[in-house]
Protein backbone atom coordinates (compact mmCIF):
# COMPACT_ATOMS: atom_id res chain seq x y z
CA MET A 1 110.86 66.01 107.34
CA GLU A 2 111.55 63.48 110.18
CA LEU A 3 115.25 64.45 110.04
CA THR A 4 114.43 67.85 110.55
CA PHE A 5 111.91 66.93 113.53
CA TYR A 6 114.79 64.49 114.92
CA ILE A 7 117.59 67.51 114.76
CA ALA A 8 115.37 70.05 116.57
CA ALA A 9 113.57 67.98 119.34
CA ALA A 10 117.38 67.16 120.08
CA VAL A 11 118.46 71.19 120.36
CA ALA A 12 115.25 71.51 122.57
CA VAL A 13 116.07 68.69 124.65
CA ALA A 14 119.66 69.67 125.49
CA SER A 15 119.50 73.07 125.74
CA THR A 16 116.59 72.68 128.13
CA LEU A 17 118.87 70.23 130.04
CA LEU A 18 121.85 73.13 130.13
CA MET A 19 119.01 75.91 130.80
CA LEU A 20 118.44 73.18 133.97
CA THR A 21 122.01 72.77 134.97
CA ARG A 22 123.29 76.45 135.02
CA LEU A 23 123.49 78.12 138.18
CA ASN A 24 124.19 81.45 136.31
CA LEU A 25 120.94 82.98 135.80
CA VAL A 26 122.08 85.28 132.31
CA HIS A 27 123.28 81.38 130.52
CA ALA A 28 120.35 79.60 131.31
CA LEU A 29 118.46 82.19 129.84
CA LEU A 30 120.17 82.16 126.78
CA TYR A 31 119.58 78.36 127.06
CA LEU A 32 116.06 79.01 127.41
CA ILE A 33 115.53 80.86 124.08
CA VAL A 34 117.56 77.98 122.32
CA SER A 35 114.99 75.94 123.80
CA LEU A 36 111.83 77.73 122.94
CA LEU A 37 112.83 78.40 119.58
CA GLY A 38 113.80 74.30 119.29
CA VAL A 39 109.94 73.77 120.45
CA ALA A 40 108.61 76.52 117.85
CA VAL A 41 110.80 74.45 115.16
CA VAL A 42 109.15 71.03 116.11
CA PHE A 43 105.33 72.57 116.14
CA TYR A 44 105.93 73.77 112.71
CA VAL A 45 107.46 70.44 111.63
CA LEU A 46 104.35 68.66 112.93
CA GLY A 47 102.21 70.85 110.92
CA ALA A 48 101.52 73.27 113.40
CA PRO A 49 102.93 77.13 111.84
CA PHE A 50 100.32 78.99 113.95
CA VAL A 51 101.64 77.49 117.29
CA ALA A 52 104.77 78.04 115.95
CA ALA A 53 104.42 81.57 115.33
CA LEU A 54 102.87 82.24 119.05
CA GLU A 55 105.53 79.96 120.36
CA ALA A 56 108.66 82.15 118.97
CA ILE A 57 106.30 85.59 119.39
CA VAL A 58 104.97 85.11 123.01
CA TYR A 59 107.34 82.83 124.56
CA ALA A 60 111.21 83.44 122.93
CA GLY A 61 109.68 87.24 122.68
CA ALA A 62 107.58 88.36 125.30
CA ILE A 63 108.45 85.90 128.10
CA MET A 64 112.07 86.17 127.48
CA VAL A 65 111.29 90.25 127.73
CA LEU A 66 109.78 89.61 131.23
CA PHE A 67 112.49 87.55 132.64
CA LEU A 68 115.14 90.25 131.52
CA PHE A 69 113.21 92.73 133.22
CA VAL A 70 113.01 91.01 136.46
CA VAL A 71 116.60 89.98 136.24
CA MET A 72 117.07 94.41 135.43
CA MET A 73 115.07 94.94 138.67
CA LEU A 74 116.73 92.90 140.95
CA ASN A 75 120.13 93.04 140.11
CA ILE A 76 120.40 96.33 141.48
CA GLY A 77 123.95 98.43 141.71
CA SER A 78 127.10 98.46 140.54
CA HIS A 79 128.25 95.47 142.18
CA ALA A 80 125.47 93.87 140.30
CA ALA A 81 126.96 95.55 136.76
CA ALA A 82 130.50 94.10 137.64
CA THR A 83 129.09 90.43 138.36
CA GLU A 84 126.92 90.51 134.88
CA LYS A 85 130.12 91.24 133.02
CA GLN A 86 131.82 88.48 134.78
CA TRP A 87 129.14 86.41 133.59
CA LEU A 88 129.22 87.56 129.66
CA THR A 89 132.64 86.40 128.53
CA PRO A 90 132.58 85.33 125.21
CA ARG A 91 133.15 81.42 125.73
CA ILE A 92 129.31 81.25 127.45
CA TRP A 93 128.39 82.30 123.74
CA ILE A 94 129.41 79.03 122.17
CA GLY A 95 126.80 76.64 123.56
CA PRO A 96 123.82 78.95 122.58
CA VAL A 97 125.44 80.08 118.89
CA LEU A 98 125.79 76.22 117.95
CA LEU A 99 122.26 75.23 118.83
CA ALA A 100 120.93 78.14 117.31
CA GLY A 101 123.09 77.64 114.45
CA ILE A 102 121.23 74.34 114.17
CA LEU A 103 118.17 75.77 113.95
CA LEU A 104 118.42 78.11 111.83
CA VAL A 105 119.80 76.05 109.07
CA GLU A 106 116.55 73.63 109.89
CA VAL A 107 114.53 76.74 109.35
CA VAL A 108 116.35 77.64 106.21
CA TYR A 109 115.80 74.46 105.05
CA LEU A 110 112.40 74.36 105.62
CA ALA A 111 111.52 77.93 103.99
CA ARG A 112 112.76 76.36 100.56
CA GLY A 113 111.19 73.26 101.18
CA SER A 114 107.48 72.35 101.50
CA THR A 115 105.75 74.30 104.26
CA ALA A 116 103.85 71.29 105.95
CA GLY A 117 105.59 68.76 107.56
CA LEU A 118 104.51 65.25 109.52
CA GLY A 119 101.48 66.24 110.87
CA THR A 120 97.90 65.50 108.75
CA GLY A 121 97.46 69.05 107.28
CA ALA A 122 98.21 72.70 108.67
CA VAL A 123 96.73 73.70 111.91
CA GLY A 124 95.44 77.40 111.87
CA PRO A 125 93.70 79.96 113.85
CA LYS A 126 90.39 78.64 113.32
CA GLU A 127 91.16 74.97 114.15
CA VAL A 128 93.43 76.38 117.86
CA ALA A 129 90.39 78.85 118.82
CA ILE A 130 87.81 75.87 118.14
CA ALA A 131 90.30 73.51 120.27
CA LEU A 132 91.09 75.79 123.21
CA PHE A 133 87.20 77.14 123.63
CA GLY A 134 85.71 74.08 122.93
CA PRO A 135 86.34 70.33 124.55
CA TYR A 136 89.45 72.23 126.62
CA LEU A 137 87.66 75.00 128.02
CA ILE A 138 87.98 74.39 131.56
CA GLY A 139 92.02 73.65 130.88
CA VAL A 140 91.96 76.85 129.65
CA GLU A 141 90.26 78.43 132.31
CA LEU A 142 92.41 76.61 134.92
CA ALA A 143 95.58 77.68 133.29
CA SER A 144 94.40 81.30 133.62
CA MET A 145 93.91 81.18 136.75
CA LEU A 146 97.51 79.32 137.55
CA LEU A 147 98.99 82.60 135.99
CA LEU A 148 96.78 84.94 137.70
CA ALA A 149 97.69 83.15 141.09
CA GLY A 150 101.70 83.13 139.94
CA LEU A 151 101.00 87.20 139.07
CA VAL A 152 99.17 87.90 142.43
CA GLY A 153 102.28 85.57 144.30
CA ALA A 154 104.81 87.09 142.62
CA TYR A 155 103.39 90.74 143.38
CA HIS A 156 103.63 89.38 147.33
CA LEU A 157 107.02 88.47 147.30
CA GLY A 158 108.40 91.36 145.26
CA TYR A 159 106.58 93.90 147.65
CA CYS A 160 108.50 95.74 149.67
CA ARG A 161 107.15 98.11 152.83
CA ARG A 162 109.47 100.69 153.93
CA GLU A 163 108.14 102.40 156.99
CA LYS A 164 109.57 106.02 157.83
CA PRO A 165 111.21 106.58 160.73
CA GLU A 166 108.88 108.51 163.34
CA ILE A 167 110.03 111.84 164.94
CA GLN A 168 109.87 110.63 168.79
CA HIS A 169 111.06 112.99 171.32
CA ASP A 170 112.86 111.11 173.85
CA THR A 171 114.14 112.96 177.44
CA ASN A 172 117.10 113.97 176.03
CA SER A 173 115.81 115.52 172.44
CA HIS A 174 116.24 119.24 173.96
CA GLU A 175 120.03 118.31 174.68
CA ARG A 176 120.93 117.30 171.71
CA ARG A 177 118.77 120.14 170.19
CA PRO A 178 121.50 122.23 169.77
CA ASP A 179 124.20 119.46 168.32
CA ALA A 180 121.75 119.35 165.54
CA GLY A 181 121.68 122.65 164.66
CA GLY A 182 118.26 123.57 166.38
CA ASP A 183 115.95 120.55 164.87
CA LEU A 184 114.30 117.87 166.87
CA VAL A 185 116.22 114.52 166.85
CA LEU A 186 115.17 111.38 166.12
CA ALA A 187 115.04 108.93 169.04
CA GLY A 188 117.54 106.40 168.87
CA THR A 189 119.69 107.32 165.77
CA GLY A 190 121.34 110.72 166.59
CA GLU A 191 120.18 111.90 162.96
CA SER A 192 117.93 114.97 162.83
CA ALA A 193 114.67 115.36 161.37
CA ARG A 194 113.47 117.85 159.28
CA THR A 195 110.21 119.72 160.46
CA PRO A 196 108.46 122.86 158.62
């Protein structure tokens, strides 16, 4: 079990370092997924299968889907699609696949062997809830306020106010009206404003 712990920890640290050093967002996301799965294996080996399941489901699953949606929202247009095709070459999959393969071998080894690991005993959902809502209640509340502040900040940064051009009558709009097909002309643009 100690060897499994050290291998999973090494994979998590290596993939985290690779994630931090990648300038490409897609590469960084791939290494981050492997890092989160490595941390889940470490939790399982330490005797916390519930926390390991939460790590894999919430972080490696839900948070990565959120990151994917953010990437999809920010990369808009055909230029972004061409850039992503350049990023997703078969060569970039070598590192994440090797590290994920090491974790897969460890998970298969753990599934065939004993269930508890290096910890004193398995930590279930009841123990986690008692610890979170007992002595660590203020920490949990502060973390929730921090997440709320991050959500509000992300909304504020992503909000884009679009202003509609106002229809203004300038001095030469009557002279330009025949050029626009009889419609009013937006001041300073030369575009016709369709009025009902």
